[in-house]
């Protein structure tokens, strides 16, 4: 039994939602900014145990582009911030199977399109914990746990 637990611990996988990445750069929210950076610093101590999912990366880039269009960032700053995040953890692309899982999650849990896609990508990638402030941390998404680092 101890060997099984040791294997489980070494295979434990995390992912972060785009909101965590956004708060790591958003100094207008100082408490969430600090907590997001603390979490990312902790997770980066074992970068192979955390994935950067395509959807979270794309949503994060979308926010950076909004900041750019609002005059808060320059083009080179957008790319620099994105590449910094992109380099933190292994990157994971979804497959066609993600859509099947997403349809199932959406119907069973009454999730939005994008939340069901993110959770489906997590399940496909064998993620155990998704750090996010956007979903219910009390719901069991087929073994996937949601942790809100700001709670």
C-alpha atoms as a PDB file:
ATOM      1  CA  UNK A   1       0.000   0.000   0.000  1.00  0.00           C
ATOM      2  CA  UNK A   2       2.832   2.438   0.763  1.00  0.00           C
ATOM      3  CA  UNK A   3       4.330   1.856  -2.683  1.00  0.00           C
ATOM      4  CA  UNK A   4       0.968   2.654  -4.279  1.00  0.00           C
ATOM      5  CA  UNK A   5       0.699   5.890  -2.287  1.00  0.00           C
ATOM      6  CA  UNK A   6       4.271   6.858  -3.173  1.00  0.00           C
ATOM      7  CA  UNK A   7       3.517   6.285  -6.855  1.00  0.00           C
ATOM      8  CA  UNK A   8       0.343   8.342  -6.585  1.00  0.00           C
ATOM      9  CA  UNK A   9       2.227  11.228  -4.987  1.00  0.00           C
ATOM     10  CA  UNK A  10       4.890  11.269  -7.699  1.00  0.00           C
ATOM     11  CA  UNK A  11       2.187  11.210 -10.392  1.00  0.00           C
ATOM     12  CA  UNK A  12       0.113  13.941  -8.728  1.00  0.00           C
ATOM     13  CA  UNK A  13      -0.694  16.625 -11.305  1.00  0.00           C
ATOM     14  CA  UNK A  14      -1.863  20.244 -10.979  1.00  0.00           C
ATOM     15  CA  UNK A  15      -3.104  22.873 -13.404  1.00  0.00           C
ATOM     16  CA  UNK A  16      -3.831  26.569 -13.055  1.00  0.00           C
ATOM     17  CA  UNK A  17      -6.767  28.465 -14.506  1.00  0.00           C
ATOM     18  CA  UNK A  18      -6.209  31.677 -16.441  1.00  0.00           C
ATOM     19  CA  UNK A  19      -7.473  33.779 -13.513  1.00  0.00           C
ATOM     20  CA  UNK A  20      -4.469  32.704 -11.428  1.00  0.00           C
ATOM     21  CA  UNK A  21      -2.122  33.758 -14.227  1.00  0.00           C
ATOM     22  CA  UNK A  22      -3.921  37.081 -14.663  1.00  0.00           C
ATOM     23  CA  UNK A  23      -3.752  37.937 -10.965  1.00  0.00           C
ATOM     24  CA  UNK A  24      -0.029  37.180 -10.969  1.00  0.00           C
ATOM     25  CA  UNK A  25       0.350  40.216 -13.239  1.00  0.00           C
ATOM     26  CA  UNK A  26      -2.555  42.363 -11.997  1.00  0.00           C
ATOM     27  CA  UNK A  27      -1.185  44.773  -9.418  1.00  0.00           C
ATOM     28  CA  UNK A  28      -4.609  46.446  -9.100  1.00  0.00           C
ATOM     29  CA  UNK A  29      -5.624  43.485  -6.912  1.00  0.00           C
ATOM     30  CA  UNK A  30      -2.698  43.443  -4.411  1.00  0.00           C
ATOM     31  CA  UNK A  31      -3.944  40.591  -2.200  1.00  0.00           C
ATOM     32  CA  UNK A  32      -4.804  38.303  -5.100  1.00  0.00           C
ATOM     33  CA  UNK A  33      -1.613  39.389  -6.867  1.00  0.00           C
ATOM     34  CA  UNK A  34       0.482  38.259  -3.904  1.00  0.00           C
ATOM     35  CA  UNK A  35      -1.418  34.985  -3.437  1.00  0.00           C
ATOM     36  CA  UNK A  36      -1.237  34.121  -7.140  1.00  0.00           C
ATOM     37  CA  UNK A  37       2.511  34.736  -7.170  1.00  0.00           C
ATOM     38  CA  UNK A  38       2.987  32.681  -4.003  1.00  0.00           C
ATOM     39  CA  UNK A  39       1.084  29.785  -5.590  1.00  0.00           C
ATOM     40  CA  UNK A  40       2.999  29.969  -8.865  1.00  0.00           C
ATOM     41  CA  UNK A  41       6.300  30.173  -6.982  1.00  0.00           C
ATOM     42  CA  UNK A  42       5.361  27.087  -4.959  1.00  0.00           C
ATOM     43  CA  UNK A  43       4.186  25.140  -8.010  1.00  0.00           C
ATOM     44  CA  UNK A  44       7.297  26.062  -9.970  1.00  0.00           C
ATOM     45  CA  UNK A  45       9.409  24.268  -7.337  1.00  0.00           C
ATOM     46  CA  UNK A  46       8.233  21.023  -9.023  1.00  0.00           C
ATOM     47  CA  UNK A  47       7.340  22.210 -12.538  1.00  0.00           C
ATOM     48  CA  UNK A  48       6.761  18.707 -13.902  1.00  0.00           C
ATOM     49  CA  UNK A  49       3.819  18.321 -11.506  1.00  0.00           C
ATOM     50  CA  UNK A  50       1.899  21.244 -13.005  1.00  0.00           C
ATOM     51  CA  UNK A  51       0.568  21.675 -16.524  1.00  0.00           C
ATOM     52  CA  UNK A  52      -0.195  24.798 -18.457  1.00  0.00           C
ATOM     53  CA  UNK A  53      -3.305  23.863 -20.405  1.00  0.00           C
ATOM     54  CA  UNK A  54      -3.878  25.396 -23.823  1.00  0.00           C
ATOM     55  CA  UNK A  55      -7.163  27.008 -22.812  1.00  0.00           C
ATOM     56  CA  UNK A  56      -5.678  28.746 -19.762  1.00  0.00           C
ATOM     57  CA  UNK A  57      -2.744  29.993 -21.846  1.00  0.00           C
ATOM     58  CA  UNK A  58      -5.075  31.307 -24.565  1.00  0.00           C
ATOM     59  CA  UNK A  59      -7.364  33.037 -22.060  1.00  0.00           C
ATOM     60  CA  UNK A  60      -4.362  34.594 -20.337  1.00  0.00           C
ATOM     61  CA  UNK A  61      -3.070  35.898 -23.678  1.00  0.00           C
ATOM     62  CA  UNK A  62      -6.531  37.328 -24.367  1.00  0.00           C
ATOM     63  CA  UNK A  63      -6.385  39.344 -21.144  1.00  0.00           C
ATOM     64  CA  UNK A  64      -2.881  40.566 -21.975  1.00  0.00           C
ATOM     65  CA  UNK A  65      -4.181  41.721 -25.373  1.00  0.00           C
ATOM     66  CA  UNK A  66      -7.049  43.604 -23.679  1.00  0.00           C
ATOM     67  CA  UNK A  67      -4.524  45.333 -21.457  1.00  0.00           C
ATOM     68  CA  UNK A  68      -2.477  46.170 -24.561  1.00  0.00           C
ATOM     69  CA  UNK A  69      -5.500  47.655 -26.349  1.00  0.00           C
ATOM     70  CA  UNK A  70      -6.282  49.697 -23.217  1.00  0.00           C
ATOM     71  CA  UNK A  71      -2.752  51.111 -23.302  1.00  0.00           C
ATOM     72  CA  UNK A  72      -1.635  49.300 -20.146  1.00  0.00           C
ATOM     73  CA  UNK A  73       0.970  47.135 -21.936  1.00  0.00           C
ATOM     74  CA  UNK A  74       3.124  47.407 -25.018  1.00  0.00           C
ATOM     75  CA  UNK A  75       3.361  44.588 -27.585  1.00  0.00           C
ATOM     76  CA  UNK A  76       6.777  43.468 -26.336  1.00  0.00           C
ATOM     77  CA  UNK A  77       5.439  43.357 -22.742  1.00  0.00           C
ATOM     78  CA  UNK A  78       2.549  41.136 -23.835  1.00  0.00           C
ATOM     79  CA  UNK A  79       4.918  38.710 -25.490  1.00  0.00           C
ATOM     80  CA  UNK A  80       7.365  38.832 -22.575  1.00  0.00           C
ATOM     81  CA  UNK A  81       4.633  38.096 -19.993  1.00  0.00           C
ATOM     82  CA  UNK A  82       3.160  35.317 -22.124  1.00  0.00           C
ATOM     83  CA  UNK A  83       6.549  33.669 -22.715  1.00  0.00           C
ATOM     84  CA  UNK A  84       7.329  33.874 -19.000  1.00  0.00           C
ATOM     85  CA  UNK A  85       4.132  32.000 -18.142  1.00  0.00           C
ATOM     86  CA  UNK A  86       4.566  29.636 -21.086  1.00  0.00           C
ATOM     87  CA  UNK A  87       7.998  28.655 -19.770  1.00  0.00           C
ATOM     88  CA  UNK A  88       6.847  27.900 -16.200  1.00  0.00           C
ATOM     89  CA  UNK A  89       5.257  24.503 -16.789  1.00  0.00           C
ATOM     90  CA  UNK A  90       4.895  21.834 -19.456  1.00  0.00           C
ATOM     91  CA  UNK A  91       2.340  22.865 -22.066  1.00  0.00           C
ATOM     92  CA  UNK A  92      -0.580  20.594 -22.890  1.00  0.00           C
ATOM     93  CA  UNK A  93      -2.757  20.734 -25.994  1.00  0.00           C
ATOM     94  CA  UNK A  94      -6.255  19.211 -25.952  1.00  0.00           C
ATOM     95  CA  UNK A  95      -7.286  16.378 -28.216  1.00  0.00           C
ATOM     96  CA  UNK A  96     -10.599  15.607 -29.878  1.00  0.00           C
ATOM     97  CA  UNK A  97     -11.480  13.514 -26.804  1.00  0.00           C
ATOM     98  CA  UNK A  98     -11.665  16.732 -24.775  1.00  0.00           C
ATOM     99  CA  UNK A  99     -14.899  17.657 -26.545  1.00  0.00           C
ATOM    100  CA  UNK A 100     -16.566  14.367 -25.589  1.00  0.00           C
ATOM    101  CA  UNK A 101     -15.605  14.825 -21.947  1.00  0.00           C
ATOM    102  CA  UNK A 102     -16.751  18.457 -22.096  1.00  0.00           C
ATOM    103  CA  UNK A 103     -20.233  17.501 -23.335  1.00  0.00           C
ATOM    104  CA  UNK A 104     -20.528  15.040 -20.456  1.00  0.00           C
ATOM    105  CA  UNK A 105     -19.365  17.557 -17.841  1.00  0.00           C
ATOM    106  CA  UNK A 106     -21.596  20.312 -19.199  1.00  0.00           C
ATOM    107  CA  UNK A 107     -24.700  18.150 -19.011  1.00  0.00           C
ATOM    108  CA  UNK A 108     -23.965  16.617 -15.597  1.00  0.00           C
ATOM    109  CA  UNK A 109     -22.695  19.719 -13.804  1.00  0.00           C
ATOM    110  CA  UNK A 110     -24.494  22.581 -15.636  1.00  0.00           C
ATOM    111  CA  UNK A 111     -21.192  24.251 -16.468  1.00  0.00           C
ATOM    112  CA  UNK A 112     -20.502  27.014 -18.935  1.00  0.00           C
ATOM    113  CA  UNK A 113     -18.924  26.046 -22.236  1.00  0.00           C
ATOM    114  CA  UNK A 114     -15.437  27.226 -21.276  1.00  0.00           C
ATOM    115  CA  UNK A 115     -15.522  25.773 -17.747  1.00  0.00           C
ATOM    116  CA  UNK A 116     -16.581  22.386 -19.116  1.00  0.00           C
ATOM    117  CA  UNK A 117     -13.780  22.566 -21.705  1.00  0.00           C
ATOM    118  CA  UNK A 118     -11.188  23.425 -19.052  1.00  0.00           C
ATOM    119  CA  UNK A 119     -12.306  20.647 -16.730  1.00  0.00           C
ATOM    120  CA  UNK A 120     -12.372  18.209 -19.649  1.00  0.00           C
ATOM    121  CA  UNK A 121      -8.812  19.181 -20.570  1.00  0.00           C
ATOM    122  CA  UNK A 122      -7.817  18.619 -16.939  1.00  0.00           C
ATOM    123  CA  UNK A 123      -9.423  15.176 -16.874  1.00  0.00           C
ATOM    124  CA  UNK A 124      -7.799  14.209 -20.171  1.00  0.00           C
ATOM    125  CA  UNK A 125      -4.404  15.286 -18.816  1.00  0.00           C
ATOM    126  CA  UNK A 126      -4.923  13.394 -15.522  1.00  0.00           C
ATOM    127  CA  UNK A 127      -4.889  16.581 -13.470  1.00  0.00           C
ATOM    128  CA  UNK A 128      -5.782  16.045  -9.806  1.00  0.00           C
ATOM    129  CA  UNK A 129      -6.100  19.696  -8.694  1.00  0.00           C
ATOM    130  CA  UNK A 130      -7.135  22.731 -10.711  1.00  0.00           C
ATOM    131  CA  UNK A 131      -6.360  26.041  -9.023  1.00  0.00           C
ATOM    132  CA  UNK A 132      -9.152  28.463  -9.898  1.00  0.00           C
ATOM    133  CA  UNK A 133     -11.463  30.997  -8.327  1.00  0.00           C
ATOM    134  CA  UNK A 134     -14.162  30.449 -10.937  1.00  0.00           C
ATOM    135  CA  UNK A 135     -15.580  27.046 -10.006  1.00  0.00           C
ATOM    136  CA  UNK A 136     -17.109  25.409  -6.966  1.00  0.00           C
ATOM    137  CA  UNK A 137     -14.350  23.890  -4.822  1.00  0.00           C
ATOM    138  CA  UNK A 138     -16.913  21.634  -3.130  1.00  0.00           C
ATOM    139  CA  UNK A 139     -17.963  19.785  -6.278  1.00  0.00           C
ATOM    140  CA  UNK A 140     -16.351  16.467  -7.166  1.00  0.00           C
ATOM    141  CA  UNK A 141     -15.707  16.579 -10.900  1.00  0.00           C
ATOM    142  CA  UNK A 142     -15.006  12.859 -11.244  1.00  0.00           C
ATOM    143  CA  UNK A 143     -12.073  13.056  -8.867  1.00  0.00           C
ATOM    144  CA  UNK A 144     -10.807  16.430 -10.062  1.00  0.00           C
ATOM    145  CA  UNK A 145     -10.516  18.830  -7.136  1.00  0.00           C
ATOM    146  CA  UNK A 146     -10.858  22.604  -7.442  1.00  0.00           C
ATOM    147  CA  UNK A 147      -8.832  24.727  -5.041  1.00  0.00           C
ATOM    148  CA  UNK A 148      -9.369  28.454  -4.729  1.00  0.00           C
ATOM    149  CA  UNK A 149      -6.068  29.977  -3.569  1.00  0.00           C
ATOM    150  CA  UNK A 150      -7.841  33.234  -2.732  1.00  0.00           C
ATOM    151  CA  UNK A 151     -10.412  31.750  -0.326  1.00  0.00           C
END
